[in-house]
Amino acid sequence: MQALKKLLTKLLRDTANKIDAGTCELSEEEAAQMLEVLSHIALSKEQACIYLNMSRSRFDDLVRQGKLPKGKKRVGFKELFWYKDELKIK
């Protein structure tokens, strides 16, 4: 896992340096896809409520109404989580 993290760090730094230098060869679509992947951040219910600036009860109501996605489970954890980029009220 450590080697994978080092490789990812190097690739991201190299890409950032190329963007800064104006020599990046990423298309707009590829850049958008990278941004989507990098912004896929897991949040607890408390973090999601803070992000959306609402109470836990309002958050629960919106989930029950289907206006926000249901939480996801992780193996070995009791608490549900939500991806930040998926928290858009319908």
N, C-alpha and C. Protein backbone atom coordinates (compact mmCIF):
# COMPACT_ATOMS: atom_id res chain seq x y z
N MET A 1 0.82 -1.19 0.00
CA MET A 1 0.00 0.00 0.00
C MET A 1 0.87 1.26 0.00
N GLN A 2 1.97 1.22 0.74
CA GLN A 2 2.86 2.37 0.81
C GLN A 2 3.43 2.71 -0.58
N ALA A 3 3.79 1.69 -1.35
CA ALA A 3 4.33 1.92 -2.69
C ALA A 3 3.27 2.56 -3.59
N LEU A 4 2.04 2.12 -3.43
CA LEU A 4 0.94 2.68 -4.22
C LEU A 4 0.72 4.15 -3.88
N LYS A 5 0.79 4.49 -2.61
CA LYS A 5 0.63 5.88 -2.18
C LYS A 5 1.76 6.75 -2.73
N LYS A 6 2.98 6.22 -2.73
CA LYS A 6 4.12 6.98 -3.26
C LYS A 6 3.95 7.22 -4.76
N LEU A 7 3.50 6.22 -5.49
CA LEU A 7 3.28 6.36 -6.93
C LEU A 7 2.19 7.39 -7.21
N LEU A 8 1.10 7.32 -6.46
CA LEU A 8 0.01 8.28 -6.63
C LEU A 8 0.50 9.70 -6.34
N THR A 9 1.26 9.86 -5.27
CA THR A 9 1.81 11.17 -4.92
C THR A 9 2.67 11.72 -6.04
N LYS A 10 3.53 10.88 -6.59
CA LYS A 10 4.42 11.32 -7.68
C LYS A 10 3.61 11.72 -8.91
N LEU A 11 2.63 10.92 -9.28
CA LEU A 11 1.81 11.23 -10.45
C LEU A 11 1.03 12.52 -10.27
N LEU A 12 0.47 12.73 -9.09
CA LEU A 12 -0.29 13.94 -8.83
C LEU A 12 0.62 15.18 -8.84
N ARG A 13 1.81 15.04 -8.23
CA ARG A 13 2.75 16.17 -8.23
C ARG A 13 3.21 16.50 -9.65
N ASP A 14 3.53 15.46 -10.42
CA ASP A 14 3.97 15.68 -11.81
C ASP A 14 2.88 16.36 -12.62
N THR A 15 1.64 15.92 -12.44
CA THR A 15 0.52 16.52 -13.16
C THR A 15 0.31 17.97 -12.74
N ALA A 16 0.38 18.24 -11.43
CA ALA A 16 0.23 19.61 -10.94
C ALA A 16 1.33 20.51 -11.49
N ASN A 17 2.55 20.01 -11.53
CA ASN A 17 3.67 20.80 -12.08
C ASN A 17 3.45 21.10 -13.56
N LYS A 18 2.94 20.13 -14.31
CA LYS A 18 2.67 20.34 -15.73
C LYS A 18 1.54 21.36 -15.92
N ILE A 19 0.53 21.31 -15.08
CA ILE A 19 -0.58 22.27 -15.16
C ILE A 19 -0.03 23.68 -14.90
N ASP A 20 0.79 23.81 -13.85
CA ASP A 20 1.38 25.11 -13.52
C ASP A 20 2.26 25.64 -14.65
N ALA A 21 2.99 24.73 -15.31
CA ALA A 21 3.90 25.14 -16.38
C ALA A 21 3.18 25.35 -17.71
N GLY A 22 1.90 24.96 -17.77
CA GLY A 22 1.15 25.09 -19.02
C GLY A 22 1.47 24.02 -20.03
N THR A 23 2.04 22.91 -19.58
CA THR A 23 2.41 21.82 -20.50
C THR A 23 1.58 20.56 -20.28
N CYS A 24 0.50 20.69 -19.54
CA CYS A 24 -0.36 19.54 -19.25
C CYS A 24 -1.10 19.12 -20.51
N GLU A 25 -1.11 17.83 -20.78
CA GLU A 25 -1.76 17.30 -21.98
C GLU A 25 -3.13 16.69 -21.69
N LEU A 26 -3.66 16.93 -20.50
CA LEU A 26 -4.99 16.42 -20.17
C LEU A 26 -6.06 17.19 -20.94
N SER A 27 -7.02 16.46 -21.47
CA SER A 27 -8.15 17.13 -22.10
C SER A 27 -9.06 17.65 -21.00
N GLU A 28 -9.99 18.50 -21.35
CA GLU A 28 -10.93 19.02 -20.35
C GLU A 28 -11.74 17.89 -19.74
N GLU A 29 -12.11 16.92 -20.56
CA GLU A 29 -12.88 15.77 -20.07
C GLU A 29 -12.05 14.94 -19.09
N GLU A 30 -10.78 14.70 -19.40
CA GLU A 30 -9.91 13.93 -18.51
C GLU A 30 -9.70 14.67 -17.19
N ALA A 31 -9.53 15.98 -17.26
CA ALA A 31 -9.36 16.78 -16.04
C ALA A 31 -10.62 16.72 -15.19
N ALA A 32 -11.78 16.77 -15.82
CA ALA A 32 -13.05 16.69 -15.09
C ALA A 32 -13.20 15.32 -14.42
N GLN A 33 -12.78 14.26 -15.11
CA GLN A 33 -12.85 12.92 -14.53
C GLN A 33 -11.91 12.80 -13.33
N MET A 34 -10.71 13.37 -13.44
CA MET A 34 -9.77 13.34 -12.32
C MET A 34 -10.35 14.08 -11.12
N LEU A 35 -10.93 15.22 -11.37
CA LEU A 35 -11.53 16.02 -10.30
C LEU A 35 -12.66 15.25 -9.62
N GLU A 36 -13.45 14.56 -10.42
CA GLU A 36 -14.55 13.77 -9.87
C GLU A 36 -14.03 12.67 -8.95
N VAL A 37 -12.99 11.98 -9.37
CA VAL A 37 -12.41 10.90 -8.56
C VAL A 37 -11.80 11.46 -7.28
N LEU A 38 -11.06 12.56 -7.40
CA LEU A 38 -10.38 13.13 -6.24
C LEU A 38 -11.34 13.76 -5.24
N SER A 39 -12.52 14.17 -5.68
CA SER A 39 -13.47 14.79 -4.76
C SER A 39 -14.45 13.78 -4.16
N HIS A 40 -14.26 12.50 -4.41
CA HIS A 40 -15.13 11.43 -3.90
C HIS A 40 -14.69 11.14 -2.46
N ILE A 41 -15.11 12.02 -1.54
CA ILE A 41 -14.66 11.97 -0.14
C ILE A 41 -15.81 11.46 0.74
N ALA A 42 -15.50 10.48 1.59
CA ALA A 42 -16.51 9.92 2.49
C ALA A 42 -16.69 10.83 3.71
N LEU A 43 -17.96 11.08 4.06
CA LEU A 43 -18.30 11.90 5.22
C LEU A 43 -19.21 11.13 6.16
N SER A 44 -19.03 11.34 7.45
CA SER A 44 -19.97 10.80 8.43
C SER A 44 -21.25 11.63 8.35
N LYS A 45 -22.28 11.20 9.07
CA LYS A 45 -23.52 11.98 9.07
C LYS A 45 -23.27 13.37 9.65
N GLU A 46 -22.50 13.43 10.72
CA GLU A 46 -22.20 14.72 11.33
C GLU A 46 -21.46 15.64 10.34
N GLN A 47 -20.47 15.10 9.65
CA GLN A 47 -19.73 15.89 8.67
C GLN A 47 -20.63 16.32 7.51
N ALA A 48 -21.52 15.42 7.09
CA ALA A 48 -22.44 15.74 5.99
C ALA A 48 -23.39 16.87 6.40
N CYS A 49 -23.86 16.84 7.63
CA CYS A 49 -24.76 17.90 8.12
C CYS A 49 -24.04 19.24 8.17
N ILE A 50 -22.79 19.22 8.62
CA ILE A 50 -22.00 20.46 8.65
C ILE A 50 -21.78 20.96 7.23
N TYR A 51 -21.42 20.06 6.32
CA TYR A 51 -21.19 20.43 4.92
C TYR A 51 -22.43 21.06 4.30
N LEU A 52 -23.61 20.48 4.60
CA LEU A 52 -24.86 20.97 4.03
C LEU A 52 -25.50 22.07 4.88
N ASN A 53 -24.90 22.36 6.04
CA ASN A 53 -25.40 23.39 6.94
C ASN A 53 -26.84 23.12 7.37
N MET A 54 -27.06 21.92 7.91
CA MET A 54 -28.41 21.56 8.37
C MET A 54 -28.32 20.66 9.59
N SER A 55 -29.44 20.56 10.30
CA SER A 55 -29.50 19.71 11.49
C SER A 55 -29.57 18.24 11.08
N ARG A 56 -29.27 17.38 12.06
CA ARG A 56 -29.34 15.94 11.80
C ARG A 56 -30.77 15.51 11.48
N SER A 57 -31.74 16.11 12.16
CA SER A 57 -33.14 15.72 11.92
C SER A 57 -33.57 16.13 10.51
N ARG A 58 -33.16 17.31 10.06
CA ARG A 58 -33.48 17.75 8.68
C ARG A 58 -32.81 16.82 7.67
N PHE A 59 -31.56 16.45 7.95
CA PHE A 59 -30.82 15.53 7.08
C PHE A 59 -31.56 14.20 6.99
N ASP A 60 -31.97 13.66 8.15
CA ASP A 60 -32.70 12.39 8.17
C ASP A 60 -34.01 12.49 7.40
N ASP A 61 -34.72 13.60 7.55
CA ASP A 61 -35.97 13.81 6.81
C ASP A 61 -35.73 13.76 5.30
N LEU A 62 -34.69 14.44 4.84
CA LEU A 62 -34.39 14.48 3.40
C LEU A 62 -33.98 13.11 2.88
N VAL A 63 -33.28 12.33 3.70
CA VAL A 63 -32.92 10.96 3.29
C VAL A 63 -34.18 10.11 3.19
N ARG A 64 -35.07 10.21 4.19
CA ARG A 64 -36.33 9.45 4.18
C ARG A 64 -37.19 9.81 2.97
N GLN A 65 -37.19 11.10 2.60
CA GLN A 65 -37.98 11.57 1.46
C GLN A 65 -37.33 11.22 0.11
N GLY A 66 -36.12 10.70 0.15
CA GLY A 66 -35.41 10.36 -1.08
C GLY A 66 -34.76 11.56 -1.75
N LYS A 67 -34.69 12.68 -1.05
CA LYS A 67 -34.07 13.88 -1.62
C LYS A 67 -32.56 13.90 -1.43
N LEU A 68 -32.09 13.08 -0.52
CA LEU A 68 -30.66 12.84 -0.34
C LEU A 68 -30.45 11.34 -0.40
N PRO A 69 -29.26 10.89 -0.82
CA PRO A 69 -29.02 9.44 -0.91
C PRO A 69 -28.96 8.79 0.46
N LYS A 70 -29.27 7.51 0.51
CA LYS A 70 -29.12 6.75 1.74
C LYS A 70 -27.64 6.55 2.00
N GLY A 71 -27.31 6.42 3.28
CA GLY A 71 -25.92 6.19 3.67
C GLY A 71 -25.44 4.82 3.22
N LYS A 72 -24.14 4.70 3.10
CA LYS A 72 -23.51 3.44 2.71
C LYS A 72 -22.84 2.82 3.92
N LYS A 73 -22.68 1.50 3.87
CA LYS A 73 -22.05 0.77 4.97
C LYS A 73 -20.61 0.42 4.59
N ARG A 74 -19.77 0.37 5.61
CA ARG A 74 -18.39 -0.11 5.46
C ARG A 74 -18.24 -1.35 6.33
N VAL A 75 -17.51 -2.30 5.83
CA VAL A 75 -17.25 -3.50 6.60
C VAL A 75 -16.50 -3.13 7.87
N GLY A 76 -16.98 -3.61 9.00
CA GLY A 76 -16.32 -3.37 10.28
C GLY A 76 -16.71 -2.07 10.97
N PHE A 77 -17.63 -1.31 10.37
CA PHE A 77 -18.07 -0.04 10.97
C PHE A 77 -19.59 -0.06 11.13
N LYS A 78 -20.08 0.53 12.22
CA LYS A 78 -21.52 0.62 12.44
C LYS A 78 -22.10 1.87 11.78
N GLU A 79 -21.29 2.93 11.73
CA GLU A 79 -21.76 4.22 11.22
C GLU A 79 -21.83 4.22 9.69
N LEU A 80 -22.88 4.83 9.17
CA LEU A 80 -23.02 4.99 7.73
C LEU A 80 -22.18 6.16 7.26
N PHE A 81 -21.92 6.21 5.95
CA PHE A 81 -21.20 7.34 5.39
C PHE A 81 -21.83 7.76 4.08
N TRP A 82 -21.54 8.98 3.66
CA TRP A 82 -22.04 9.55 2.42
C TRP A 82 -20.85 10.14 1.67
N TYR A 83 -20.88 10.08 0.34
CA TYR A 83 -19.83 10.71 -0.45
C TYR A 83 -20.21 12.18 -0.66
N LYS A 84 -19.25 13.05 -0.40
CA LYS A 84 -19.46 14.50 -0.47
C LYS A 84 -20.02 14.92 -1.83
N ASP A 85 -19.47 14.36 -2.90
CA ASP A 85 -19.90 14.77 -4.24
C ASP A 85 -21.31 14.26 -4.59
N GLU A 86 -21.86 13.36 -3.79
CA GLU A 86 -23.21 12.84 -4.04
C GLU A 86 -24.27 13.55 -3.20
N LEU A 87 -23.85 14.45 -2.34
CA LEU A 87 -24.79 15.14 -1.43
C LEU A 87 -25.38 16.37 -2.10
N LYS A 88 -26.28 16.12 -3.01
CA LYS A 88 -26.99 17.20 -3.69
C LYS A 88 -28.48 16.96 -3.47
N ILE A 89 -29.17 17.94 -2.95
CA ILE A 89 -30.60 17.80 -2.66
C ILE A 89 -31.37 17.80 -3.96
N LYS A 90 -32.21 16.78 -4.14
CA LYS A 90 -33.01 16.64 -5.36
C LYS A 90 -34.25 17.50 -5.31
